[in-house]
PDB file of N, CA and C in Angstrom:
ATOM      1  N   MET A   1     -10.875  17.706 -10.853  1.00  0.00           N
ATOM      2  CA  MET A   1     -10.888  16.384 -10.253  1.00  0.00           C
ATOM      3  C   MET A   1     -11.957  16.356  -9.163  1.00  0.00           C
ATOM      4  N   GLN A   2     -12.693  15.263  -9.111  1.00  0.00           N
ATOM      5  CA  GLN A   2     -13.762  15.132  -8.131  1.00  0.00           C
ATOM      6  C   GLN A   2     -13.227  15.152  -6.706  1.00  0.00           C
ATOM      7  N   ARG A   3     -14.008  15.728  -5.845  1.00  0.00           N
ATOM      8  CA  ARG A   3     -13.627  15.823  -4.429  1.00  0.00           C
ATOM      9  C   ARG A   3     -13.393  14.431  -3.817  1.00  0.00           C
ATOM     10  N   GLU A   4     -14.226  13.486  -4.193  1.00  0.00           N
ATOM     11  CA  GLU A   4     -14.098  12.128  -3.672  1.00  0.00           C
ATOM     12  C   GLU A   4     -12.766  11.494  -4.085  1.00  0.00           C
ATOM     13  N   ILE A   5     -12.347  11.723  -5.315  1.00  0.00           N
ATOM     14  CA  ILE A   5     -11.061  11.198  -5.786  1.00  0.00           C
ATOM     15  C   ILE A   5      -9.922  11.827  -5.002  1.00  0.00           C
ATOM     16  N   LEU A   6     -10.011  13.120  -4.761  1.00  0.00           N
ATOM     17  CA  LEU A   6      -8.970  13.794  -3.968  1.00  0.00           C
ATOM     18  C   LEU A   6      -8.877  13.199  -2.569  1.00  0.00           C
ATOM     19  N   LYS A   7     -10.017  12.859  -1.967  1.00  0.00           N
ATOM     20  CA  LYS A   7     -10.027  12.231  -0.642  1.00  0.00           C
ATOM     21  C   LYS A   7      -9.318  10.883  -0.681  1.00  0.00           C
ATOM     22  N   TYR A   8      -9.592  10.085  -1.728  1.00  0.00           N
ATOM     23  CA  TYR A   8      -8.943   8.775  -1.844  1.00  0.00           C
ATOM     24  C   TYR A   8      -7.443   8.920  -2.077  1.00  0.00           C
ATOM     25  N   LEU A   9      -7.056   9.916  -2.866  1.00  0.00           N
ATOM     26  CA  LEU A   9      -5.629  10.159  -3.076  1.00  0.00           C
ATOM     27  C   LEU A   9      -4.942  10.544  -1.766  1.00  0.00           C
ATOM     28  N   LEU A  10      -5.623  11.331  -0.955  1.00  0.00           N
ATOM     29  CA  LEU A  10      -5.083  11.683   0.359  1.00  0.00           C
ATOM     30  C   LEU A  10      -4.959  10.439   1.237  1.00  0.00           C
ATOM     31  N   ASP A  11      -5.948   9.566   1.195  1.00  0.00           N
ATOM     32  CA  ASP A  11      -5.877   8.317   1.955  1.00  0.00           C
ATOM     33  C   ASP A  11      -4.665   7.486   1.537  1.00  0.00           C
ATOM     34  N   ILE A  12      -4.421   7.424   0.227  1.00  0.00           N
ATOM     35  CA  ILE A  12      -3.265   6.682  -0.284  1.00  0.00           C
ATOM     36  C   ILE A  12      -1.972   7.304   0.227  1.00  0.00           C
ATOM     37  N   GLN A  13      -1.875   8.619   0.141  1.00  0.00           N
ATOM     38  CA  GLN A  13      -0.654   9.291   0.602  1.00  0.00           C
ATOM     39  C   GLN A  13      -0.433   9.081   2.099  1.00  0.00           C
ATOM     40  N   GLU A  14      -1.494   9.154   2.874  1.00  0.00           N
ATOM     41  CA  GLU A  14      -1.371   8.927   4.321  1.00  0.00           C
ATOM     42  C   GLU A  14      -0.921   7.503   4.619  1.00  0.00           C
ATOM     43  N   SER A  15      -1.424   6.537   3.868  1.00  0.00           N
ATOM     44  CA  SER A  15      -1.005   5.153   4.087  1.00  0.00           C
ATOM     45  C   SER A  15       0.455   4.941   3.703  1.00  0.00           C
ATOM     46  N   ILE A  16       0.876   5.560   2.618  1.00  0.00           N
ATOM     47  CA  ILE A  16       2.288   5.480   2.228  1.00  0.00           C
ATOM     48  C   ILE A  16       3.160   6.089   3.316  1.00  0.00           C
ATOM     49  N   ASN A  17       2.777   7.253   3.802  1.00  0.00           N
ATOM     50  CA  ASN A  17       3.535   7.896   4.876  1.00  0.00           C
ATOM     51  C   ASN A  17       3.565   7.019   6.122  1.00  0.00           C
ATOM     52  N   SER A  18       2.453   6.367   6.426  1.00  0.00           N
ATOM     53  CA  SER A  18       2.402   5.487   7.594  1.00  0.00           C
ATOM     54  C   SER A  18       3.383   4.329   7.443  1.00  0.00           C
ATOM     55  N   ILE A  19       3.454   3.753   6.251  1.00  0.00           N
ATOM     56  CA  ILE A  19       4.410   2.661   6.029  1.00  0.00           C
ATOM     57  C   ILE A  19       5.826   3.144   6.302  1.00  0.00           C
ATOM     58  N   TYR A  20       6.160   4.317   5.792  1.00  0.00           N
ATOM     59  CA  TYR A  20       7.495   4.868   6.050  1.00  0.00           C
ATOM     60  C   TYR A  20       7.706   5.131   7.545  1.00  0.00           C
ATOM     61  N   ASP A  21       6.680   5.603   8.228  1.00  0.00           N
ATOM     62  CA  ASP A  21       6.782   5.823   9.670  1.00  0.00           C
ATOM     63  C   ASP A  21       7.018   4.503  10.408  1.00  0.00           C
ATOM     64  N   TYR A  22       6.278   3.480  10.023  1.00  0.00           N
ATOM     65  CA  TYR A  22       6.418   2.172  10.681  1.00  0.00           C
ATOM     66  C   TYR A  22       7.824   1.617  10.495  1.00  0.00           C
ATOM     67  N   LEU A  23       8.375   1.789   9.298  1.00  0.00           N
ATOM     68  CA  LEU A  23       9.679   1.213   8.993  1.00  0.00           C
ATOM     69  C   LEU A  23      10.837   2.066   9.499  1.00  0.00           C
ATOM     70  N   GLY A  24      10.624   3.353   9.639  1.00  0.00           N
ATOM     71  CA  GLY A  24      11.703   4.237  10.057  1.00  0.00           C
ATOM     72  C   GLY A  24      12.779   4.313   8.990  1.00  0.00           C
ATOM     73  N   ASP A  25      13.924   4.813   9.364  1.00  0.00           N
ATOM     74  CA  ASP A  25      15.021   4.967   8.416  1.00  0.00           C
ATOM     75  C   ASP A  25      15.677   3.634   8.065  1.00  0.00           C
ATOM     76  N   ARG A  26      15.568   2.713   8.963  1.00  0.00           N
ATOM     77  CA  ARG A  26      16.193   1.410   8.746  1.00  0.00           C
ATOM     78  C   ARG A  26      15.161   0.462   8.151  1.00  0.00           C
ATOM     79  N   ARG A  27      15.286   0.183   6.903  1.00  0.00           N
ATOM     80  CA  ARG A  27      14.353  -0.730   6.239  1.00  0.00           C
ATOM     81  C   ARG A  27      15.034  -2.078   6.099  1.00  0.00           C
ATOM     82  N   ASP A  28      14.749  -2.950   7.039  1.00  0.00           N
ATOM     83  CA  ASP A  28      15.411  -4.243   7.097  1.00  0.00           C
ATOM     84  C   ASP A  28      14.366  -5.358   7.044  1.00  0.00           C
ATOM     85  N   PHE A  29      14.507  -6.248   6.079  1.00  0.00           N
ATOM     86  CA  PHE A  29      13.533  -7.325   5.909  1.00  0.00           C
ATOM     87  C   PHE A  29      13.453  -8.207   7.145  1.00  0.00           C
ATOM     88  N   ASN A  30      14.585  -8.491   7.772  1.00  0.00           N
ATOM     89  CA  ASN A  30      14.568  -9.360   8.953  1.00  0.00           C
ATOM     90  C   ASN A  30      13.801  -8.728  10.107  1.00  0.00           C
ATOM     91  N   ASP A  31      13.918  -7.409  10.269  1.00  0.00           N
ATOM     92  CA  ASP A  31      13.125  -6.714  11.287  1.00  0.00           C
ATOM     93  C   ASP A  31      11.642  -6.828  10.954  1.00  0.00           C
ATOM     94  N   TYR A  32      11.322  -6.630   9.686  1.00  0.00           N
ATOM     95  CA  TYR A  32       9.936  -6.731   9.228  1.00  0.00           C
ATOM     96  C   TYR A  32       9.388  -8.136   9.489  1.00  0.00           C
ATOM     97  N   LYS A  33      10.139  -9.127   9.083  1.00  0.00           N
ATOM     98  CA  LYS A  33       9.681 -10.513   9.185  1.00  0.00           C
ATOM     99  C   LYS A  33       9.502 -10.954  10.635  1.00  0.00           C
ATOM    100  N   SER A  34      10.300 -10.443  11.522  1.00  0.00           N
ATOM    101  CA  SER A  34      10.248 -10.890  12.914  1.00  0.00           C
ATOM    102  C   SER A  34       9.256 -10.101  13.775  1.00  0.00           C
ATOM    103  N   ASN A  35       8.633  -9.078  13.211  1.00  0.00           N
ATOM    104  CA  ASN A  35       7.737  -8.221  13.984  1.00  0.00           C
ATOM    105  C   ASN A  35       6.306  -8.329  13.437  1.00  0.00           C
ATOM    106  N   LYS A  36       5.499  -9.148  14.094  1.00  0.00           N
ATOM    107  CA  LYS A  36       4.131  -9.389  13.633  1.00  0.00           C
ATOM    108  C   LYS A  36       3.307  -8.104  13.588  1.00  0.00           C
ATOM    109  N   LEU A  37       3.464  -7.252  14.578  1.00  0.00           N
ATOM    110  CA  LEU A  37       2.718  -5.994  14.615  1.00  0.00           C
ATOM    111  C   LEU A  37       3.077  -5.109  13.415  1.00  0.00           C
ATOM    112  N   LEU A  38       4.354  -5.044  13.091  1.00  0.00           N
ATOM    113  CA  LEU A  38       4.808  -4.269  11.935  1.00  0.00           C
ATOM    114  C   LEU A  38       4.233  -4.844  10.639  1.00  0.00           C
ATOM    115  N   ARG A  39       4.303  -6.165  10.501  1.00  0.00           N
ATOM    116  CA  ARG A  39       3.766  -6.803   9.292  1.00  0.00           C
ATOM    117  C   ARG A  39       2.278  -6.518   9.145  1.00  0.00           C
ATOM    118  N   ARG A  40       1.531  -6.672  10.224  1.00  0.00           N
ATOM    119  CA  ARG A  40       0.083  -6.448  10.165  1.00  0.00           C
ATOM    120  C   ARG A  40      -0.242  -4.980   9.867  1.00  0.00           C
ATOM    121  N   GLY A  41       0.538  -4.078  10.417  1.00  0.00           N
ATOM    122  CA  GLY A  41       0.327  -2.654  10.147  1.00  0.00           C
ATOM    123  C   GLY A  41       0.545  -2.329   8.685  1.00  0.00           C
ATOM    124  N   ILE A  42       1.606  -2.856   8.115  1.00  0.00           N
ATOM    125  CA  ILE A  42       1.892  -2.607   6.710  1.00  0.00           C
ATOM    126  C   ILE A  42       0.843  -3.273   5.824  1.00  0.00           C
ATOM    127  N   GLU A  43       0.432  -4.479   6.189  1.00  0.00           N
ATOM    128  CA  GLU A  43      -0.627  -5.149   5.423  1.00  0.00           C
ATOM    129  C   GLU A  43      -1.909  -4.312   5.428  1.00  0.00           C
ATOM    130  N   ARG A  44      -2.236  -3.734   6.563  1.00  0.00           N
ATOM    131  CA  ARG A  44      -3.442  -2.896   6.638  1.00  0.00           C
ATOM    132  C   ARG A  44      -3.317  -1.677   5.733  1.00  0.00           C
ATOM    133  N   GLU A  45      -2.155  -1.054   5.706  1.00  0.00           N
ATOM    134  CA  GLU A  45      -1.950   0.104   4.845  1.00  0.00           C
ATOM    135  C   GLU A  45      -2.047  -0.300   3.367  1.00  0.00           C
ATOM    136  N   ILE A  46      -1.562  -1.497   3.031  1.00  0.00           N
ATOM    137  CA  ILE A  46      -1.691  -2.004   1.665  1.00  0.00           C
ATOM    138  C   ILE A  46      -3.168  -2.182   1.318  1.00  0.00           C
ATOM    139  N   GLU A  47      -3.946  -2.664   2.272  1.00  0.00           N
ATOM    140  CA  GLU A  47      -5.390  -2.807   2.054  1.00  0.00           C
ATOM    141  C   GLU A  47      -6.023  -1.450   1.741  1.00  0.00           C
ATOM    142  N   ILE A  48      -5.660  -0.447   2.518  1.00  0.00           N
ATOM    143  CA  ILE A  48      -6.216   0.899   2.311  1.00  0.00           C
ATOM    144  C   ILE A  48      -5.791   1.454   0.958  1.00  0.00           C
ATOM    145  N   ILE A  49      -4.523   1.328   0.622  1.00  0.00           N
ATOM    146  CA  ILE A  49      -4.018   1.819  -0.659  1.00  0.00           C
ATOM    147  C   ILE A  49      -4.752   1.142  -1.810  1.00  0.00           C
ATOM    148  N   GLY A  50      -4.898  -0.165  -1.726  1.00  0.00           N
ATOM    149  CA  GLY A  50      -5.575  -0.907  -2.786  1.00  0.00           C
ATOM    150  C   GLY A  50      -7.044  -0.571  -2.904  1.00  0.00           C
ATOM    151  N   GLU A  51      -7.716  -0.449  -1.777  1.00  0.00           N
ATOM    152  CA  GLU A  51      -9.146  -0.120  -1.809  1.00  0.00           C
ATOM    153  C   GLU A  51      -9.375   1.287  -2.345  1.00  0.00           C
ATOM    154  N   ALA A  52      -8.562   2.229  -1.899  1.00  0.00           N
ATOM    155  CA  ALA A  52      -8.698   3.607  -2.390  1.00  0.00           C
ATOM    156  C   ALA A  52      -8.414   3.674  -3.892  1.00  0.00           C
ATOM    157  N   THR A  53      -7.410   2.943  -4.343  1.00  0.00           N
ATOM    158  CA  THR A  53      -7.094   2.896  -5.771  1.00  0.00           C
ATOM    159  C   THR A  53      -8.269   2.328  -6.559  1.00  0.00           C
ATOM    160  N   ASN A  54      -8.832   1.249  -6.072  1.00  0.00           N
ATOM    161  CA  ASN A  54      -9.972   0.621  -6.727  1.00  0.00           C
ATOM    162  C   ASN A  54     -11.159   1.585  -6.826  1.00  0.00           C
ATOM    163  N   ARG A  55     -11.425   2.305  -5.753  1.00  0.00           N
ATOM    164  CA  ARG A  55     -12.536   3.257  -5.756  1.00  0.00           C
ATOM    165  C   ARG A  55     -12.294   4.401  -6.730  1.00  0.00           C
ATOM    166  N   ILE A  56     -11.056   4.858  -6.803  1.00  0.00           N
ATOM    167  CA  ILE A  56     -10.725   5.912  -7.762  1.00  0.00           C
ATOM    168  C   ILE A  56     -10.984   5.427  -9.186  1.00  0.00           C
ATOM    169  N   LEU A  57     -10.543   4.222  -9.484  1.00  0.00           N
ATOM    170  CA  LEU A  57     -10.707   3.686 -10.836  1.00  0.00           C
ATOM    171  C   LEU A  57     -12.175   3.500 -11.199  1.00  0.00           C
ATOM    172  N   LYS A  58     -13.003   3.230 -10.216  1.00  0.00           N
ATOM    173  CA  LYS A  58     -14.438   3.108 -10.482  1.00  0.00           C
ATOM    174  C   LYS A  58     -15.054   4.467 -10.805  1.00  0.00           C
ATOM    175  N   LEU A  59     -14.500   5.507 -10.217  1.00  0.00           N
ATOM    176  CA  LEU A  59     -15.007   6.865 -10.470  1.00  0.00           C
ATOM    177  C   LEU A  59     -14.466   7.453 -11.770  1.00  0.00           C
ATOM    178  N   ASP A  60     -13.225   7.099 -12.112  1.00  0.00           N
ATOM    179  CA  ASP A  60     -12.593   7.641 -13.309  1.00  0.00           C
ATOM    180  C   ASP A  60     -11.679   6.576 -13.910  1.00  0.00           C
ATOM    181  N   LYS A  61     -12.175   5.879 -14.889  1.00  0.00           N
ATOM    182  CA  LYS A  61     -11.421   4.776 -15.507  1.00  0.00           C
ATOM    183  C   LYS A  61     -10.187   5.246 -16.253  1.00  0.00           C
ATOM    184  N   HIS A  62     -10.106   6.525 -16.553  1.00  0.00           N
ATOM    185  CA  HIS A  62      -9.009   7.051 -17.353  1.00  0.00           C
ATOM    186  C   HIS A  62      -7.918   7.715 -16.506  1.00  0.00           C
ATOM    187  N   ILE A  63      -8.081   7.722 -15.200  1.00  0.00           N
ATOM    188  CA  ILE A  63      -7.060   8.341 -14.342  1.00  0.00           C
ATOM    189  C   ILE A  63      -5.789   7.495 -14.405  1.00  0.00           C
ATOM    190  N   ASP A  64      -4.659   8.158 -14.395  1.00  0.00           N
ATOM    191  CA  ASP A  64      -3.375   7.478 -14.532  1.00  0.00           C
ATOM    192  C   ASP A  64      -2.758   7.233 -13.153  1.00  0.00           C
ATOM    193  N   ILE A  65      -2.852   5.987 -12.705  1.00  0.00           N
ATOM    194  CA  ILE A  65      -2.207   5.573 -11.457  1.00  0.00           C
ATOM    195  C   ILE A  65      -1.248   4.449 -11.813  1.00  0.00           C
ATOM    196  N   SER A  66       0.044   4.675 -11.583  1.00  0.00           N
ATOM    197  CA  SER A  66       1.057   3.669 -11.916  1.00  0.00           C
ATOM    198  C   SER A  66       0.759   2.349 -11.220  1.00  0.00           C
ATOM    199  N   ASP A  67       0.807   1.280 -11.974  1.00  0.00           N
ATOM    200  CA  ASP A  67       0.634  -0.073 -11.444  1.00  0.00           C
ATOM    201  C   ASP A  67      -0.686  -0.277 -10.709  1.00  0.00           C
ATOM    202  N   SER A  68      -1.726   0.422 -11.144  1.00  0.00           N
ATOM    203  CA  SER A  68      -3.004   0.352 -10.422  1.00  0.00           C
ATOM    204  C   SER A  68      -3.539  -1.073 -10.312  1.00  0.00           C
ATOM    205  N   ARG A  69      -3.443  -1.847 -11.367  1.00  0.00           N
ATOM    206  CA  ARG A  69      -3.947  -3.218 -11.325  1.00  0.00           C
ATOM    207  C   ARG A  69      -3.174  -4.035 -10.298  1.00  0.00           C
ATOM    208  N   ARG A  70      -1.864  -3.869 -10.270  1.00  0.00           N
ATOM    209  CA  ARG A  70      -1.023  -4.613  -9.320  1.00  0.00           C
ATOM    210  C   ARG A  70      -1.339  -4.198  -7.882  1.00  0.00           C
ATOM    211  N   ILE A  71      -1.601  -2.925  -7.680  1.00  0.00           N
ATOM    212  CA  ILE A  71      -1.932  -2.422  -6.344  1.00  0.00           C
ATOM    213  C   ILE A  71      -3.243  -3.038  -5.857  1.00  0.00           C
ATOM    214  N   VAL A  72      -4.246  -3.042  -6.712  1.00  0.00           N
ATOM    215  CA  VAL A  72      -5.544  -3.612  -6.341  1.00  0.00           C
ATOM    216  C   VAL A  72      -5.413  -5.122  -6.142  1.00  0.00           C
ATOM    217  N   ASP A  73      -4.652  -5.791  -7.002  1.00  0.00           N
ATOM    218  CA  ASP A  73      -4.445  -7.237  -6.855  1.00  0.00           C
ATOM    219  C   ASP A  73      -3.745  -7.566  -5.535  1.00  0.00           C
ATOM    220  N   MET A  74      -2.772  -6.747  -5.150  1.00  0.00           N
ATOM    221  CA  MET A  74      -2.066  -6.973  -3.885  1.00  0.00           C
ATOM    222  C   MET A  74      -3.037  -6.835  -2.721  1.00  0.00           C
ATOM    223  N   ARG A  75      -3.889  -5.820  -2.763  1.00  0.00           N
ATOM    224  CA  ARG A  75      -4.904  -5.619  -1.727  1.00  0.00           C
ATOM    225  C   ARG A  75      -5.808  -6.844  -1.630  1.00  0.00           C
ATOM    226  N   ASN A  76      -6.276  -7.326  -2.770  1.00  0.00           N
ATOM    227  CA  ASN A  76      -7.160  -8.485  -2.775  1.00  0.00           C
ATOM    228  C   ASN A  76      -6.468  -9.724  -2.215  1.00  0.00           C
ATOM    229  N   TRP A  77      -5.215  -9.891  -2.564  1.00  0.00           N
ATOM    230  CA  TRP A  77      -4.452 -11.045  -2.095  1.00  0.00           C
ATOM    231  C   TRP A  77      -4.248 -10.979  -0.582  1.00  0.00           C
ATOM    232  N   VAL A  78      -3.925  -9.796  -0.063  1.00  0.00           N
ATOM    233  CA  VAL A  78      -3.711  -9.646   1.376  1.00  0.00           C
ATOM    234  C   VAL A  78      -5.009  -9.909   2.146  1.00  0.00           C
ATOM    235  N   ILE A  79      -6.121  -9.415   1.630  1.00  0.00           N
ATOM    236  CA  ILE A  79      -7.399  -9.580   2.327  1.00  0.00           C
ATOM    237  C   ILE A  79      -7.940 -10.998   2.179  1.00  0.00           C
ATOM    238  N   HIS A  80      -8.040 -11.475   0.963  1.00  0.00           N
ATOM    239  CA  HIS A  80      -8.712 -12.746   0.720  1.00  0.00           C
ATOM    240  C   HIS A  80      -7.794 -13.949   0.862  1.00  0.00           C
ATOM    241  N   GLY A  81      -6.509 -13.727   0.752  1.00  0.00           N
ATOM    242  CA  GLY A  81      -5.556 -14.820   0.906  1.00  0.00           C
ATOM    243  C   GLY A  81      -4.733 -14.660   2.167  1.00  0.00           C
ATOM    244  N   TYR A  82      -5.375 -14.138   3.220  1.00  0.00           N
ATOM    245  CA  TYR A  82      -4.661 -13.809   4.459  1.00  0.00           C
ATOM    246  C   TYR A  82      -3.818 -14.971   4.976  1.00  0.00           C
ATOM    247  N   ASP A  83      -4.285 -16.193   4.749  1.00  0.00           N
ATOM    248  CA  ASP A  83      -3.560 -17.358   5.251  1.00  0.00           C
ATOM    249  C   ASP A  83      -2.406 -17.764   4.331  1.00  0.00           C
ATOM    250  N   LYS A  84      -2.269 -17.077   3.214  1.00  0.00           N
ATOM    251  CA  LYS A  84      -1.201 -17.389   2.260  1.00  0.00           C
ATOM    252  C   LYS A  84      -0.281 -16.198   2.012  1.00  0.00           C
ATOM    253  N   VAL A  85      -0.402 -15.164   2.829  1.00  0.00           N
ATOM    254  CA  VAL A  85       0.423 -13.969   2.625  1.00  0.00           C
ATOM    255  C   VAL A  85       1.890 -14.335   2.824  1.00  0.00           C
ATOM    256  N   ASP A  86       2.680 -13.995   1.846  1.00  0.00           N
ATOM    257  CA  ASP A  86       4.107 -14.289   1.849  1.00  0.00           C
ATOM    258  C   ASP A  86       4.859 -12.995   2.148  1.00  0.00           C
ATOM    259  N   ASP A  87       5.605 -12.985   3.244  1.00  0.00           N
ATOM    260  CA  ASP A  87       6.323 -11.777   3.654  1.00  0.00           C
ATOM    261  C   ASP A  87       7.276 -11.279   2.582  1.00  0.00           C
ATOM    262  N   VAL A  88       7.897 -12.188   1.859  1.00  0.00           N
ATOM    263  CA  VAL A  88       8.847 -11.789   0.821  1.00  0.00           C
ATOM    264  C   VAL A  88       8.118 -11.036  -0.294  1.00  0.00           C
ATOM    265  N   ILE A  89       6.933 -11.501  -0.661  1.00  0.00           N
ATOM    266  CA  ILE A  89       6.176 -10.844  -1.721  1.00  0.00           C
ATOM    267  C   ILE A  89       5.692  -9.469  -1.264  1.00  0.00           C
ATOM    268  N   VAL A  90       5.198  -9.388  -0.042  1.00  0.00           N
ATOM    269  CA  VAL A  90       4.754  -8.083   0.476  1.00  0.00           C
ATOM    270  C   VAL A  90       5.941  -7.128   0.529  1.00  0.00           C
ATOM    271  N   TRP A  91       7.060  -7.578   1.067  1.00  0.00           N
ATOM    272  CA  TRP A  91       8.243  -6.734   1.165  1.00  0.00           C
ATOM    273  C   TRP A  91       8.698  -6.281  -0.219  1.00  0.00           C
ATOM    274  N   GLY A  92       8.670  -7.185  -1.180  1.00  0.00           N
ATOM    275  CA  GLY A  92       9.117  -6.880  -2.530  1.00  0.00           C
ATOM    276  C   GLY A  92       8.062  -6.185  -3.371  1.00  0.00           C
ATOM    277  N   GLY A  93       6.893  -5.926  -2.783  1.00  0.00           N
ATOM    278  CA  GLY A  93       5.797  -5.322  -3.525  1.00  0.00           C
ATOM    279  C   GLY A  93       5.981  -3.846  -3.782  1.00  0.00           C
ATOM    280  N   ASN A  94       7.175  -3.339  -3.505  1.00  0.00           N
ATOM    281  CA  ASN A  94       7.509  -1.934  -3.743  1.00  0.00           C
ATOM    282  C   ASN A  94       6.687  -0.979  -2.889  1.00  0.00           C
ATOM    283  N   PHE A  95       6.048  -1.496  -1.862  1.00  0.00           N
ATOM    284  CA  PHE A  95       5.346  -0.618  -0.936  1.00  0.00           C
ATOM    285  C   PHE A  95       6.309  -0.123   0.137  1.00  0.00           C
ATOM    286  N   THR A  96       7.484  -0.738   0.213  1.00  0.00           N
ATOM    287  CA  THR A  96       8.405  -0.400   1.287  1.00  0.00           C
ATOM    288  C   THR A  96       9.593   0.437   0.839  1.00  0.00           C
ATOM    289  N   GLY A  97       9.734   0.698  -0.427  1.00  0.00           N
ATOM    290  CA  GLY A  97      10.898   1.490  -0.804  1.00  0.00           C
ATOM    291  C   GLY A  97      10.905   2.001  -2.222  1.00  0.00           C
ATOM    292  N   SER A  98       9.837   1.864  -2.910  1.00  0.00           N
ATOM    293  CA  SER A  98       9.798   2.253  -4.311  1.00  0.00           C
ATOM    294  C   SER A  98       9.832   3.767  -4.479  1.00  0.00           C
ATOM    295  N   ALA A  99      10.444   4.195  -5.543  1.00  0.00           N
ATOM    296  CA  ALA A  99      10.437   5.618  -5.876  1.00  0.00           C
ATOM    297  C   ALA A  99       9.019   6.079  -6.178  1.00  0.00           C
ATOM    298  N   GLN A 100       8.166   5.152  -6.563  1.00  0.00           N
ATOM    299  CA  GLN A 100       6.769   5.503  -6.868  1.00  0.00           C
ATOM    300  C   GLN A 100       5.989   5.809  -5.614  1.00  0.00           C
ATOM    301  N   THR A 101       6.487   5.400  -4.469  1.00  0.00           N
ATOM    302  CA  THR A 101       5.775   5.649  -3.218  1.00  0.00           C
ATOM    303  C   THR A 101       6.578   6.564  -2.315  1.00  0.00           C
ATOM    304  N   LYS A 102       7.232   7.529  -2.925  1.00  0.00           N
ATOM    305  CA  LYS A 102       8.035   8.471  -2.143  1.00  0.00           C
ATOM    306  C   LYS A 102       7.196   9.168  -1.091  1.00  0.00           C
ATOM    307  N   ARG A 103       7.800   9.324   0.041  1.00  0.00           N
ATOM    308  CA  ARG A 103       7.131  10.041   1.125  1.00  0.00           C
ATOM    309  C   ARG A 103       7.202  11.535   0.864  1.00  0.00           C
ATOM    310  N   THR A 104       6.086  12.182   1.081  1.00  0.00           N
ATOM    311  CA  THR A 104       6.082  13.633   0.984  1.00  0.00           C
ATOM    312  C   THR A 104       5.908  14.197   2.384  1.00  0.00           C
ATOM    313  N   SER A 105       6.600  15.259   2.636  1.00  0.00           N
ATOM    314  CA  SER A 105       6.531  15.852   3.980  1.00  0.00           C
ATOM    315  C   SER A 105       5.366  16.785   4.110  1.00  0.00           C
TER     316      SER A 105
END
């Protein structure tokens, strides 16, 4: 695997870990919705995850990343549709609790 791809994968893992750090053990939508700093932090991590995924796919079109298209689309929506970001969609985007984004220690 190319060194550059490994760097992007590390960036993705760090962003996933950051989301878990921001949310702590208590993952509550109402806490998320009422905390602008938390929402913006998670949105930024989604941007990083999506951009890194997109760059990986440009380097290796055959790499297997679950839901890669959805991840990149979410990134694009958060960045380009900033004025239309829906907290429910971001929360439900499986970035906050999916088994696919398990935190590694």
